[in-house]
Structures are given as structure tokens and as C-alpha cells.
C-alpha atoms as a PDB file:
ATOM      1  CA  MET A   1      87.760-138.904 181.498  1.00  0.00           C
ATOM      2  CA  SER A   2      90.856-137.651 183.518  1.00  0.00           C
ATOM      3  CA  GLU A   3      93.094-137.700 180.486  1.00  0.00           C
ATOM      4  CA  LEU A   4      90.347-135.673 178.397  1.00  0.00           C
ATOM      5  CA  THR A   5      89.894-133.206 181.297  1.00  0.00           C
ATOM      6  CA  THR A   6      93.707-132.543 181.345  1.00  0.00           C
ATOM      7  CA  ARG A   7      93.846-131.959 177.645  1.00  0.00           C
ATOM      8  CA  VAL A   8      90.866-129.549 177.570  1.00  0.00           C
ATOM      9  CA  ALA A   9      92.233-127.597 180.689  1.00  0.00           C
ATOM     10  CA  LEU A  10      95.470-126.933 178.832  1.00  0.00           C
ATOM     11  CA  GLU A  11      93.922-125.595 175.760  1.00  0.00           C
ATOM     12  CA  PRO A  12      93.939-121.699 175.464  1.00  0.00           C
ATOM     13  CA  VAL A  13      90.747-119.826 176.068  1.00  0.00           C
ATOM     14  CA  ARG A  14      89.308-118.893 172.680  1.00  0.00           C
ATOM     15  CA  ARG A  15      86.286-117.443 171.091  1.00  0.00           C
ATOM     16  CA  LEU A  16      83.516-119.740 169.986  1.00  0.00           C
ATOM     17  CA  PRO A  17      84.272-120.779 166.480  1.00  0.00           C
ATOM     18  CA  THR A  18      81.871-120.514 163.669  1.00  0.00           C
ATOM     19  CA  ARG A  19      79.861-123.727 163.518  1.00  0.00           C
ATOM     20  CA  PRO A  20      80.899-125.891 160.735  1.00  0.00           C
ATOM     21  CA  PRO A  21      78.481-126.217 157.820  1.00  0.00           C
ATOM     22  CA  SER A  22      78.130-129.982 158.202  1.00  0.00           C
ATOM     23  CA  ALA A  23      78.824-132.657 160.860  1.00  0.00           C
ATOM     24  CA  SER A  24      81.327-134.296 158.685  1.00  0.00           C
ATOM     25  CA  SER A  25      83.683-131.290 158.728  1.00  0.00           C
ATOM     26  CA  ALA A  26      83.558-130.981 162.529  1.00  0.00           C
ATOM     27  CA  ARG A  27      86.782-131.515 164.430  1.00  0.00           C
ATOM     28  CA  PRO A  28      86.484-134.946 165.982  1.00  0.00           C
ATOM     29  CA  ILE A  29      86.706-135.099 169.818  1.00  0.00           C
ATOM     30  CA  GLY A  30      86.562-138.161 171.986  1.00  0.00           C
ATOM     31  CA  GLY A  31      83.939-136.652 174.312  1.00  0.00           C
ATOM     32  CA  ALA A  32      82.433-133.463 175.549  1.00  0.00           C
ATOM     33  CA  SER A  33      84.696-130.924 177.188  1.00  0.00           C
ATOM     34  CA  VAL A  34      84.693-131.529 180.894  1.00  0.00           C
ATOM     35  CA  LEU A  35      85.797-128.492 182.839  1.00  0.00           C
ATOM     36  CA  PRO A  36      85.672-129.039 186.692  1.00  0.00           C
ATOM     37  CA  SER A  37      85.418-125.327 187.577  1.00  0.00           C
ATOM     38  CA  SER A  38      82.820-122.602 188.404  1.00  0.00           C
ATOM     39  CA  PRO A  39      81.978-119.624 186.215  1.00  0.00           C
ATOM     40  CA  LEU A  40      84.337-117.321 188.160  1.00  0.00           C
ATOM     41  CA  THR A  41      87.436-119.505 188.314  1.00  0.00           C
ATOM     42  CA  ARG A  42      87.958-120.495 184.692  1.00  0.00           C
ATOM     43  CA  PRO A  43      85.831-118.942 181.942  1.00  0.00           C
ATOM     44  CA  LEU A  44      84.270-121.015 179.228  1.00  0.00           C
ATOM     45  CA  LEU A  45      84.995-118.382 176.587  1.00  0.00           C
ATOM     46  CA  PRO A  46      86.564-114.977 176.629  1.00  0.00           C
ATOM     47  CA  LEU A  47      84.246-112.870 178.692  1.00  0.00           C
ATOM     48  CA  ALA A  48      84.001-109.066 178.950  1.00  0.00           C
ATOM     49  CA  PRO A  49      86.188-107.493 181.509  1.00  0.00           C
ATOM     50  CA  ALA A  50      84.777-107.683 184.994  1.00  0.00           C
ATOM     51  CA  VAL A  51      82.254-104.848 185.572  1.00  0.00           C
ATOM     52  CA  PRO A  52      82.445-102.862 188.774  1.00  0.00           C
ATOM     53  CA  ARG A  53      79.788-104.189 191.154  1.00  0.00           C
ATOM     54  CA  ARG A  54      77.864-100.979 191.366  1.00  0.00           C
ATOM     55  CA  GLU A  55      77.569-100.868 187.580  1.00  0.00           C
ATOM     56  CA  ARG A  56      76.210-104.581 187.203  1.00  0.00           C
ATOM     57  CA  ALA A  57      72.477-103.587 187.349  1.00  0.00           C
ATOM     58  CA  ARG A  58      73.131-101.393 184.264  1.00  0.00           C
ATOM     59  CA  VAL A  59      74.659-103.987 182.077  1.00  0.00           C
ATOM     60  CA  SER A  60      72.608-106.981 183.092  1.00  0.00           C
ATOM     61  CA  GLY A  61      69.918-108.158 180.627  1.00  0.00           C
ATOM     62  CA  THR A  62      69.782-107.122 177.092  1.00  0.00           C
ATOM     63  CA  GLY A  63      71.004-103.577 177.308  1.00  0.00           C
ATOM     64  CA  ALA A  64      67.844-101.904 178.424  1.00  0.00           C
ATOM     65  CA  ALA A  65      68.661 -98.746 180.354  1.00  0.00           C
ATOM     66  CA  SER A  66      68.159 -98.499 184.077  1.00  0.00           C
ATOM     67  CA  PRO A  67      64.972 -96.547 185.124  1.00  0.00           C
ATOM     68  CA  ASP A  68      65.420 -92.954 184.804  1.00  0.00           C
ATOM     69  CA  PRO A  69      65.868 -91.466 188.328  1.00  0.00           C
ATOM     70  CA  ALA A  70      63.588 -88.589 187.168  1.00  0.00           C
ATOM     71  CA  MET A  71      60.819 -90.972 186.299  1.00  0.00           C
ATOM     72  CA  PRO A  72      57.423 -90.486 188.212  1.00  0.00           C
ATOM     73  CA  GLU A  73      57.581 -92.599 191.375  1.00  0.00           C
ATOM     74  CA  TYR A  74      55.228 -95.489 191.836  1.00  0.00           C
ATOM     75  CA  ARG A  75      53.095 -94.997 194.808  1.00  0.00           C
ATOM     76  CA  ARG A  76      50.729 -97.262 196.781  1.00  0.00           C
ATOM     77  CA  GLN A  77      48.604 -95.942 199.613  1.00  0.00           C
ATOM     78  CA  ARG A  78      48.807 -98.169 202.719  1.00  0.00           C
ATOM     79  CA  SER A  79      47.958 -97.234 206.392  1.00  0.00           C
ATOM     80  CA  GLY A  80      47.482 -93.592 205.081  1.00  0.00           C
ATOM     81  CA  ARG A  81      51.190 -93.228 204.153  1.00  0.00           C
ATOM     82  CA  PRO A  82      52.530 -93.519 200.531  1.00  0.00           C
ATOM     83  CA  ALA A  83      55.080 -96.095 199.800  1.00  0.00           C
ATOM     84  CA  ARG A  84      57.479 -94.951 197.114  1.00  0.00           C
ATOM     85  CA  LEU A  85      59.670 -96.874 194.824  1.00  0.00           C
ATOM     86  CA  THR A  86      63.007 -95.423 193.889  1.00  0.00           C
ATOM     87  CA  SER A  87      64.864 -96.327 190.709  1.00  0.00           C
ATOM     88  CA  ARG A  88      67.028 -98.837 192.638  1.00  0.00           C
ATOM     89  CA  ASP A  89      63.826-100.512 193.882  1.00  0.00           C
ATOM     90  CA  VAL A  90      62.580-100.886 190.285  1.00  0.00           C
ATOM     91  CA  GLU A  91      65.917-102.517 189.319  1.00  0.00           C
ATOM     92  CA  LEU A  92      65.493-104.965 192.235  1.00  0.00           C
ATOM     93  CA  LEU A  93      61.951-105.781 191.076  1.00  0.00           C
ATOM     94  CA  ARG A  94      63.130-106.324 187.645  1.00  0.00           C
ATOM     95  CA  PHE A  95      65.766-108.804 188.863  1.00  0.00           C
ATOM     96  CA  LEU A  96      63.190-110.766 190.998  1.00  0.00           C
ATOM     97  CA  ALA A  97      60.767-110.821 188.075  1.00  0.00           C
ATOM     98  CA  ARG A  98      63.423-112.229 185.706  1.00  0.00           C
ATOM     99  CA  TYR A  99      64.809-114.855 188.218  1.00  0.00           C
ATOM    100  CA  ARG A 100      61.548-115.843 189.945  1.00  0.00           C
ATOM    101  CA  PHE A 101      62.944-115.306 193.428  1.00  0.00           C
ATOM    102  CA  ALA A 102      66.220-114.736 195.326  1.00  0.00           C
ATOM    103  CA  THR A 103      67.767-114.691 198.778  1.00  0.00           C
ATOM    104  CA  LEU A 104      68.600-111.465 200.546  1.00  0.00           C
ATOM    105  CA  ALA A 105      72.264-112.557 200.311  1.00  0.00           C
ATOM    106  CA  GLU A 106      72.007-112.956 196.607  1.00  0.00           C
ATOM    107  CA  LEU A 107      70.200-109.498 196.134  1.00  0.00           C
ATOM    108  CA  ALA A 108      73.046-107.914 198.352  1.00  0.00           C
ATOM    109  CA  SER A 109      75.794-109.590 196.285  1.00  0.00           C
ATOM    110  CA  HIS A 110      74.262-108.638 192.953  1.00  0.00           C
ATOM    111  CA  PHE A 111      73.443-104.974 193.799  1.00  0.00           C
ATOM    112  CA  ASP A 112      76.614-104.503 195.956  1.00  0.00           C
ATOM    113  CA  VAL A 113      74.725-103.315 199.080  1.00  0.00           C
ATOM    114  CA  GLU A 114      75.199-104.144 202.693  1.00  0.00           C
ATOM    115  CA  GLY A 115      72.902-106.802 203.938  1.00  0.00           C
ATOM    116  CA  HIS A 116      71.500-104.632 206.767  1.00  0.00           C
ATOM    117  CA  ILE A 117      70.413-102.115 204.190  1.00  0.00           C
ATOM    118  CA  LEU A 118      68.213-104.728 202.448  1.00  0.00           C
ATOM    119  CA  ARG A 119      66.928-106.107 205.778  1.00  0.00           C
ATOM    120  CA  ARG A 120      65.430-102.700 206.399  1.00  0.00           C
ATOM    121  CA  ARG A 121      64.297-102.153 202.790  1.00  0.00           C
ATOM    122  CA  MET A 122      62.639-105.257 201.876  1.00  0.00           C
ATOM    123  CA  PRO A 123      60.101-105.295 204.659  1.00  0.00           C
ATOM    124  CA  LYS A 124      59.167-101.761 203.561  1.00  0.00           C
ATOM    125  CA  LEU A 125      58.600-103.132 200.053  1.00  0.00           C
ATOM    126  CA  ARG A 126      56.572-105.891 201.402  1.00  0.00           C
ATOM    127  CA  ARG A 127      54.310-103.673 203.301  1.00  0.00           C
ATOM    128  CA  GLY A 128      53.850-101.580 200.314  1.00  0.00           C
ATOM    129  CA  GLY A 129      52.748-104.692 198.351  1.00  0.00           C
ATOM    130  CA  TRP A 130      55.534-104.805 195.856  1.00  0.00           C
ATOM    131  CA  VAL A 131      57.287-108.049 197.068  1.00  0.00           C
ATOM    132  CA  THR A 132      56.497-110.993 199.268  1.00  0.00           C
ATOM    133  CA  SER A 133      58.587-113.553 201.097  1.00  0.00           C
ATOM    134  CA  HIS A 134      58.468-117.199 201.710  1.00  0.00           C
ATOM    135  CA  THR A 135      60.096-119.444 204.370  1.00  0.00           C
ATOM    136  CA  MET A 136      61.543-122.609 203.059  1.00  0.00           C
ATOM    137  CA  GLY A 137      63.077-125.601 204.778  1.00  0.00           C
ATOM    138  CA  LEU A 138      63.454-125.927 208.634  1.00  0.00           C
ATOM    139  CA  THR A 139      65.160-122.561 209.016  1.00  0.00           C
ATOM    140  CA  LYS A 140      63.919-118.895 208.823  1.00  0.00           C
ATOM    141  CA  PHE A 141      65.554-118.623 205.423  1.00  0.00           C
ATOM    142  CA  LEU A 142      63.509-116.242 203.299  1.00  0.00           C
ATOM    143  CA  LEU A 143      63.089-116.238 199.509  1.00  0.00           C
ATOM    144  CA  TRP A 144      61.863-112.919 198.065  1.00  0.00           C
ATOM    145  CA  THR A 145      59.557-112.710 195.105  1.00  0.00           C
ATOM    146  CA  VAL A 146      57.686-109.988 193.249  1.00  0.00           C
ATOM    147  CA  THR A 147      53.849-109.615 193.732  1.00  0.00           C
ATOM    148  CA  ASP A 148      51.487-108.721 190.835  1.00  0.00           C
ATOM    149  CA  LEU A 149      51.984-105.059 191.598  1.00  0.00           C
ATOM    150  CA  GLY A 150      55.673-105.464 191.767  1.00  0.00           C
ATOM    151  CA  ALA A 151      55.768-107.274 188.389  1.00  0.00           C
ATOM    152  CA  ASP A 152      53.785-104.530 186.775  1.00  0.00           C
ATOM    153  CA  ALA A 153      56.165-101.853 188.188  1.00  0.00           C
ATOM    154  CA  SER A 154      59.174-103.787 186.752  1.00  0.00           C
ATOM    155  CA  GLY A 155      58.027-103.032 183.190  1.00  0.00           C
ATOM    156  CA  LEU A 156      59.218-106.475 181.803  1.00  0.00           C
ATOM    157  CA  ASN A 157      55.864-107.842 180.937  1.00  0.00           C
ATOM    158  CA  LEU A 158      56.466-110.921 183.090  1.00  0.00           C
ATOM    159  CA  GLN A 159      54.000-112.238 185.470  1.00  0.00           C
ATOM    160  CA  ALA A 160      54.529-112.763 189.160  1.00  0.00           C
ATOM    161  CA  PRO A 161      55.448-116.315 190.227  1.00  0.00           C
ATOM    162  CA  LYS A 162      52.342-118.354 191.210  1.00  0.00           C
ATOM    163  CA  SER A 163      54.111-120.503 193.730  1.00  0.00           C
ATOM    164  CA  ILE A 164      57.426-121.945 194.809  1.00  0.00           C
ATOM    165  CA  SER A 165      57.899-125.713 194.369  1.00  0.00           C
ATOM    166  CA  PRO A 166      59.978-127.295 197.164  1.00  0.00           C
ATOM    167  CA  SER A 167      60.853-130.093 194.653  1.00  0.00           C
ATOM    168  CA  THR A 168      62.821-127.567 192.365  1.00  0.00           C
ATOM    169  CA  ILE A 169      64.074-125.123 194.917  1.00  0.00           C
ATOM    170  CA  ARG A 170      67.581-126.372 194.744  1.00  0.00           C
ATOM    171  CA  HIS A 171      67.675-126.076 190.896  1.00  0.00           C
ATOM    172  CA  ASP A 172      65.990-122.751 190.932  1.00  0.00           C
ATOM    173  CA  LEU A 173      68.429-121.241 193.478  1.00  0.00           C
ATOM    174  CA  GLY A 174      71.279-122.682 191.528  1.00  0.00           C
ATOM    175  CA  LEU A 175      70.200-120.743 188.442  1.00  0.00           C
ATOM    176  CA  VAL A 176      70.090-117.502 190.420  1.00  0.00           C
ATOM    177  CA  ASP A 177      73.618-118.198 191.640  1.00  0.00           C
ATOM    178  CA  LEU A 178      74.864-118.899 188.082  1.00  0.00           C
ATOM    179  CA  GLY A 179      73.036-115.935 186.660  1.00  0.00           C
ATOM    180  CA  ILE A 180      74.545-113.517 189.116  1.00  0.00           C
ATOM    181  CA  ARG A 181      78.136-114.922 188.408  1.00  0.00           C
ATOM    182  CA  PHE A 182      77.583-114.462 184.553  1.00  0.00           C
ATOM    183  CA  GLU A 183      76.191-111.017 184.939  1.00  0.00           C
ATOM    184  CA  ALA A 184      79.083-109.945 187.178  1.00  0.00           C
ATOM    185  CA  THR A 185      81.424-110.602 184.153  1.00  0.00           C
ATOM    186  CA  GLY A 186      79.221-108.463 181.764  1.00  0.00           C
ATOM    187  CA  GLU A 187      77.339-111.327 180.136  1.00  0.00           C
ATOM    188  CA  THR A 188      73.770-110.603 178.833  1.00  0.00           C
ATOM    189  CA  VAL A 189      71.712-113.150 180.506  1.00  0.00           C
ATOM    190  CA  ILE A 190      68.275-114.296 179.299  1.00  0.00           C
ATOM    191  CA  THR A 191      66.529-116.259 182.191  1.00  0.00           C
ATOM    192  CA  GLU A 192      64.173-119.274 181.762  1.00  0.00           C
ATOM    193  CA  ARG A 193      61.179-116.970 182.678  1.00  0.00           C
ATOM    194  CA  GLU A 194      62.081-114.522 179.895  1.00  0.00           C
ATOM    195  CA  ILE A 195      62.512-117.436 177.459  1.00  0.00           C
ATOM    196  CA  ARG A 196      59.197-118.797 178.160  1.00  0.00           C
ATOM    197  CA  ALA A 197      57.596-115.312 177.734  1.00  0.00           C
ATOM    198  CA  ALA A 198      59.290-114.791 174.479  1.00  0.00           C
ATOM    199  CA  ASP A 199      58.902-118.171 172.873  1.00  0.00           C
ATOM    200  CA  THR A 200      55.786-119.817 174.284  1.00  0.00           C
ATOM    201  CA  ARG A 201      53.430-116.975 175.468  1.00  0.00           C
ATOM    202  CA  ASN A 202      54.410-114.570 172.640  1.00  0.00           C
ATOM    203  CA  SER A 203      54.818-111.868 175.302  1.00  0.00           C
ATOM    204  CA  VAL A 204      58.013-110.030 174.464  1.00  0.00           C
ATOM    205  CA  SER A 205      59.066-107.177 176.645  1.00  0.00           C
ATOM    206  CA  ASP A 206      61.097-104.212 175.272  1.00  0.00           C
ATOM    207  CA  ARG A 207      64.193-105.743 176.719  1.00  0.00           C
ATOM    208  CA  MET A 208      63.770-109.109 174.785  1.00  0.00           C
ATOM    209  CA  ALA A 209      62.501-107.301 171.726  1.00  0.00           C
ATOM    210  CA  ALA A 210      65.771-105.136 171.534  1.00  0.00           C
ATOM    211  CA  ALA A 211      67.772-108.342 171.861  1.00  0.00           C
ATOM    212  CA  ARG A 212      65.909-110.052 169.120  1.00  0.00           C
ATOM    213  CA  GLN A 213      66.347-106.986 166.811  1.00  0.00           C
ATOM    214  CA  SER A 214      70.071-106.648 167.606  1.00  0.00           C
ATOM    215  CA  SER A 215      70.781-110.255 166.957  1.00  0.00           C
ATOM    216  CA  GLY A 216      69.014-110.275 163.696  1.00  0.00           C
ATOM    217  CA  HIS A 217      66.440-112.891 164.638  1.00  0.00           C
ATOM    218  CA  GLY A 218      63.407-113.428 162.405  1.00  0.00           C
ATOM    219  CA  PRO A 219      60.202-115.243 163.136  1.00  0.00           C
ATOM    220  CA  GLY A 220      60.392-118.408 165.225  1.00  0.00           C
ATOM    221  CA  PRO A 221      61.989-119.255 168.589  1.00  0.00           C
ATOM    222  CA  VAL A 222      64.542-116.782 169.701  1.00  0.00           C
ATOM    223  CA  TYR A 223      66.116-118.677 172.683  1.00  0.00           C
ATOM    224  CA  ALA A 224      64.273-122.047 172.761  1.00  0.00           C
ATOM    225  CA  VAL A 225      65.155-125.009 170.558  1.00  0.00           C
ATOM    226  CA  ALA A 226      62.833-127.329 168.755  1.00  0.00           C
ATOM    227  CA  THR A 227      62.827-130.967 169.930  1.00  0.00           C
ATOM    228  CA  GLY A 228      59.943-132.681 168.296  1.00  0.00           C
ATOM    229  CA  ALA A 229      61.696-133.778 165.103  1.00  0.00           C
ATOM    230  CA  ALA A 230      64.703-135.046 167.063  1.00  0.00           C
ATOM    231  CA  ILE A 231      62.678-137.650 168.954  1.00  0.00           C
ATOM    232  CA  GLY A 232      60.363-138.686 166.087  1.00  0.00           C
ATOM    233  CA  LYS A 233      57.318-136.662 166.898  1.00  0.00           C
ATOM    234  CA  ARG A 234      55.132-135.241 164.120  1.00  0.00           C
ATOM    235  CA  ARG A 235      54.489-132.166 166.241  1.00  0.00           C
ATOM    236  CA  ARG A 236      57.579-130.157 167.067  1.00  0.00           C
ATOM    237  CA  THR A 237      57.986-129.166 170.532  1.00  0.00           C
ATOM    238  CA  LEU A 238      60.261-126.685 172.315  1.00  0.00           C
ATOM    239  CA  HIS A 239      62.986-127.233 174.857  1.00  0.00           C
ATOM    240  CA  ILE A 240      63.449-124.319 177.080  1.00  0.00           C
ATOM    241  CA  PRO A 241      67.065-123.737 178.172  1.00  0.00           C
ATOM    242  CA  ASP A 242      67.627-122.941 181.894  1.00  0.00           C
ATOM    243  CA  MET A 243      69.208-119.657 180.629  1.00  0.00           C
ATOM    244  CA  VAL A 244      70.904-118.249 177.596  1.00  0.00           C
ATOM    245  CA  LEU A 245      74.008-116.016 177.244  1.00  0.00           C
ATOM    246  CA  LEU A 246      73.142-113.849 174.357  1.00  0.00           C
ATOM    247  CA  ARG A 247      75.973-113.134 171.828  1.00  0.00           C
ATOM    248  CA  ASP A 248      75.720-111.630 168.318  1.00  0.00           C
ATOM    249  CA  PRO A 249      76.159-113.986 165.380  1.00  0.00           C
ATOM    250  CA  ILE A 250      79.559-114.160 163.549  1.00  0.00           C
ATOM    251  CA  GLU A 251      79.261-114.378 159.774  1.00  0.00           C
ATOM    252  CA  GLY A 252      75.686-115.702 160.201  1.00  0.00           C
ATOM    253  CA  ALA A 253      76.722-118.502 162.701  1.00  0.00           C
ATOM    254  CA  PRO A 254      75.026-118.463 166.093  1.00  0.00           C
ATOM    255  CA  GLN A 255      77.294-117.627 169.080  1.00  0.00           C
ATOM    256  CA  SER A 256      74.682-117.512 171.888  1.00  0.00           C
ATOM    257  CA  ILE A 257      75.322-120.206 174.600  1.00  0.00           C
ATOM    258  CA  ALA A 258      72.601-122.139 176.349  1.00  0.00           C
ATOM    259  CA  VAL A 259      73.220-123.032 180.088  1.00  0.00           C
ATOM    260  CA  GLU A 260      71.743-126.066 181.629  1.00  0.00           C
ATOM    261  CA  LEU A 261      71.978-127.035 185.319  1.00  0.00           C
ATOM    262  CA  GLU A 262      71.379-130.755 185.588  1.00  0.00           C
ATOM    263  CA  LEU A 263      71.022-131.960 189.120  1.00  0.00           C
ATOM    264  CA  GLN A 264      68.769-135.036 188.511  1.00  0.00           C
ATOM    265  CA  HIS A 265      69.394-138.174 186.444  1.00  0.00           C
ATOM    266  CA  LYS A 266      67.465-138.254 183.136  1.00  0.00           C
ATOM    267  CA  THR A 267      67.082-141.080 180.731  1.00  0.00           C
ATOM    268  CA  PRO A 268      69.680-141.336 177.950  1.00  0.00           C
ATOM    269  CA  MET A 269      66.916-140.873 175.276  1.00  0.00           C
ATOM    270  CA  ARG A 270      65.781-137.647 176.865  1.00  0.00           C
ATOM    271  CA  VAL A 271      69.419-136.284 177.037  1.00  0.00           C
ATOM    272  CA  ARG A 272      70.123-137.351 173.478  1.00  0.00           C
ATOM    273  CA  ALA A 273      66.937-135.644 172.175  1.00  0.00           C
ATOM    274  CA  THR A 274      67.945-132.366 173.804  1.00  0.00           C
ATOM    275  CA  LEU A 275      71.430-132.628 172.435  1.00  0.00           C
ATOM    276  CA  PHE A 276      70.027-133.249 168.867  1.00  0.00           C
ATOM    277  CA  ALA A 277      67.864-130.144 169.180  1.00  0.00           C
ATOM    278  CA  TYR A 278      71.010-128.087 170.029  1.00  0.00           C
ATOM    279  CA  LYS A 279      72.815-129.627 167.135  1.00  0.00           C
ATOM    280  CA  ASN A 280      70.121-128.529 164.752  1.00  0.00           C
ATOM    281  CA  ALA A 281      69.510-125.176 166.331  1.00  0.00           C
ATOM    282  CA  THR A 282      70.031-122.033 164.171  1.00  0.00           C
ATOM    283  CA  ASN A 283      69.923-119.629 167.221  1.00  0.00           C
ATOM    284  CA  ILE A 284      72.271-121.458 169.714  1.00  0.00           C
ATOM    285  CA  GLY A 285      75.922-122.059 169.079  1.00  0.00           C
ATOM    286  CA  ALA A 286      76.951-124.138 172.080  1.00  0.00           C
ATOM    287  CA  VAL A 287      75.522-125.559 175.365  1.00  0.00           C
ATOM    288  CA  VAL A 288      77.200-125.719 178.774  1.00  0.00           C
ATOM    289  CA  PHE A 289      75.883-128.296 181.299  1.00  0.00           C
ATOM    290  CA  TYR A 290      76.562-127.774 185.132  1.00  0.00           C
ATOM    291  CA  THR A 291      76.178-130.682 187.407  1.00  0.00           C
ATOM    292  CA  ASP A 292      77.456-131.845 190.723  1.00  0.00           C
ATOM    293  CA  LYS A 293      76.951-135.607 190.110  1.00  0.00           C
ATOM    294  CA  VAL A 294      79.493-137.849 188.419  1.00  0.00           C
ATOM    295  CA  ALA A 295      76.881-140.076 187.015  1.00  0.00           C
ATOM    296  CA  VAL A 296      75.034-137.159 185.379  1.00  0.00           C
ATOM    297  CA  ARG A 297      78.303-135.900 183.937  1.00  0.00           C
ATOM    298  CA  ASN A 298      79.129-139.323 182.395  1.00  0.00           C
ATOM    299  CA  LEU A 299      75.578-139.551 181.000  1.00  0.00           C
ATOM    300  CA  ILE A 300      75.832-136.105 179.194  1.00  0.00           C
ATOM    301  CA  ASN A 301      79.326-137.075 177.987  1.00  0.00           C
ATOM    302  CA  GLN A 302      78.191-140.411 176.497  1.00  0.00           C
ATOM    303  CA  ALA A 303      75.192-138.665 174.902  1.00  0.00           C
ATOM    304  CA  ALA A 304      77.469-136.079 173.290  1.00  0.00           C
ATOM    305  CA  ILE A 305      79.422-138.754 171.747  1.00  0.00           C
ATOM    306  CA  ASP A 306      76.421-140.642 170.489  1.00  0.00           C
ATOM    307  CA  THR A 307      74.924-137.603 168.920  1.00  0.00           C
ATOM    308  CA  GLY A 308      78.026-136.185 167.455  1.00  0.00           C
ATOM    309  CA  THR A 309      77.634-132.883 169.549  1.00  0.00           C
ATOM    310  CA  THR A 310      80.998-132.982 171.383  1.00  0.00           C
ATOM    311  CA  ASN A 311      82.035-129.868 169.479  1.00  0.00           C
ATOM    312  CA  ILE A 312      79.398-127.771 171.010  1.00  0.00           C
ATOM    313  CA  VAL A 313      78.944-129.340 174.426  1.00  0.00           C
ATOM    314  CA  THR A 314      80.978-128.516 177.592  1.00  0.00           C
ATOM    315  CA  ILE A 315      80.385-130.009 181.000  1.00  0.00           C
ATOM    316  CA  ARG A 316      81.239-128.214 184.245  1.00  0.00           C
ATOM    317  CA  LYS A 317      81.206-129.047 187.898  1.00  0.00           C
ATOM    318  CA  TRP A 318      78.672-126.970 189.736  1.00  0.00           C
ATOM    319  CA  MET A 319      79.657-125.602 193.064  1.00  0.00           C
ATOM    320  CA  PRO A 320      76.948-123.384 194.631  1.00  0.00           C
ATOM    321  CA  ALA A 321      77.984-120.146 196.342  1.00  0.00           C
ATOM    322  CA  ALA A 322      77.063-119.590 200.030  1.00  0.00           C
ATOM    323  CA  GLU A 323      74.743-116.727 198.912  1.00  0.00           C
ATOM    324  CA  SER A 324      72.554-119.115 196.853  1.00  0.00           C
ATOM    325  CA  GLY A 325      71.034-120.533 200.040  1.00  0.00           C
ATOM    326  CA  VAL A 326      71.425-124.117 198.759  1.00  0.00           C
ATOM    327  CA  LEU A 327      73.859-125.048 201.590  1.00  0.00           C
ATOM    328  CA  THR A 328      71.944-123.196 204.251  1.00  0.00           C
ATOM    329  CA  LEU A 329      68.711-125.008 203.345  1.00  0.00           C
ATOM    330  CA  GLY A 330      70.444-128.345 203.602  1.00  0.00           C
ATOM    331  CA  PHE A 331      70.291-129.183 199.867  1.00  0.00           C
ATOM    332  CA  GLY A 332      74.040-129.077 199.116  1.00  0.00           C
END
């Protein structure tokens, strides 16, 4: 693997090539690309120029405009006094609805505000009924989520999270961390919650509908990939990526990139089935796996060789940022 890593690291960064029409014409590679780096240190592909932090909320997602500052303010009567939502509050609710939850440090990083400002604002939003907080682990570390009222105010047609599972907290916080890093570079990020809403509940928000139209997608899964046929099932099922970086097709070939955060060991059959699904997908051009375990990295690499998908698979080392809360909660 070390020899492969060295070779890949020396290759110039380039745009995702048009997928070859057949497996026989693909460029042979001895294994999946293994890049031991984070999204901010060495980009997988040419990314848009870094966006000033104060502009990030406007370019995140599929291009939907930020709420108009002149829009009628949402109000909720509580204790005789109205709680008002500003346009920045609505942007914050949209972020929480898309990512399920976030730490205060992650919100401060994404919206480029001082932590003490959010420490004053978030309790006010909680008293107004727009958000709620959960304490996880043995610390007083808080995770913030939207309520039903906050989800409605976000305008994204996404439901409020029903619960937070301790068994998946490390994975979920890691995805928020990755999403913030990608959006900071101008990437259009479609989160797992949005993918499920679009491809499983047939509930497409204006944000996702605009993405579907601009990318030329017709009926069928927009972001998910079918797995049933790959593992011999009569009924096709869907694999939901952890997130998708949305990019326009080039000459009809898909350019969008699926992102998977793999922190647990899976069976080789399951990994191969997932890679077969990406190989046959018409809406995803490549997949990037992030992991912090050598055994998982080797498993994915071997599965890519077995399925002939080394030309679309890249493996990267996952290193969580301090803002993600993974290290603070003792999961790192």
C-alpha cells in the first residue's frame, strides 16, 4: 500500500474524467487510491476557490437563496413576549435540519460567529421552541437539533430528528465535520437526510428540486444508488450515501461524488455490493471513503480490486476536527 500511496500522491490534481463506456476500457489500477489526508489539506479534485467564511451560508446546498431579510418574521408567543427569528436564525435552522444536529463549536465555525454570541442566542431559540439540546456522554457537551416548529420554519420539508442514537453519535458528528469542510470550499453538499427525503419519502424540497432540474435528472433515484441487483435480490433496494457532492454531468457522464464515512468493520460481501452499486450507477461518478481504521481501509481496497471499481474509488484517512466534538466526547 505504501508504494501505491506514494504514486497517487504525486499525481497532479485533476478533474474527474468521464466514466469509460465499459469496464474493459478502464485504466487498470492495482488498488483504490489511498490518500491519507483530510478534505482541507489535499483536495480530491479541483475545488472551487475558498469562499469567505461570512459567505458560506449563501453557497451551501444546491444554490437556494438565503432567506430574504425583508421576509415576515416568524413569531411564537411565550411568556407573553414574542420570540422572533432573524434571517440568520433561519439559516441556522436549515443547517440543523439538513445535518440532524451540530455542536455549538461547529455552528460557530460554519457561520463564522463568536462562540459567546451563539451561547446567548441558542438558549433564546430554545425558549422560543425552535431548537432543543441534548447532553451526550459524561460531559456537559450539548448537541443542538431543530424541533418540529424549527423544521417547519426552515422551509426544507425535512422532519425534525426523532432521537439521537448513542451508537451512531461518532459517525453522525463526523459527517457534520466533513460537511462543514466541504461547504467551506464551495461544494454543494446533499446530506443523508436530504437524500432520504428525496429518494425514499418522495418529499423533495425546493432546494433539492432545483438541483435535480439543473443536473438534468429524470425519474428515479437522484442521489441514492440501487443495490438489489448487485447482490442477487429480485427486488432492487437503495443504498443511501452518507452525503453527495453535487456536480453537473460532463457530456452525459455523472460527476457527482458520493462520500462515505466508514468507522465500523463490515463484511466483504456487503462492501462489494455497495461498490457494485456505485459501479452501475448513472447518477454518481465516484465515491470517496473516509476511515480511521487500517483494517477498514484494507477491506475497501480489496473490495475495489475484486469489483473492478478502483478507477472510481478513493480512500482517505479521517481525522476529526476539534469542533466536531468527537474527541471531547471521548470517541476519538
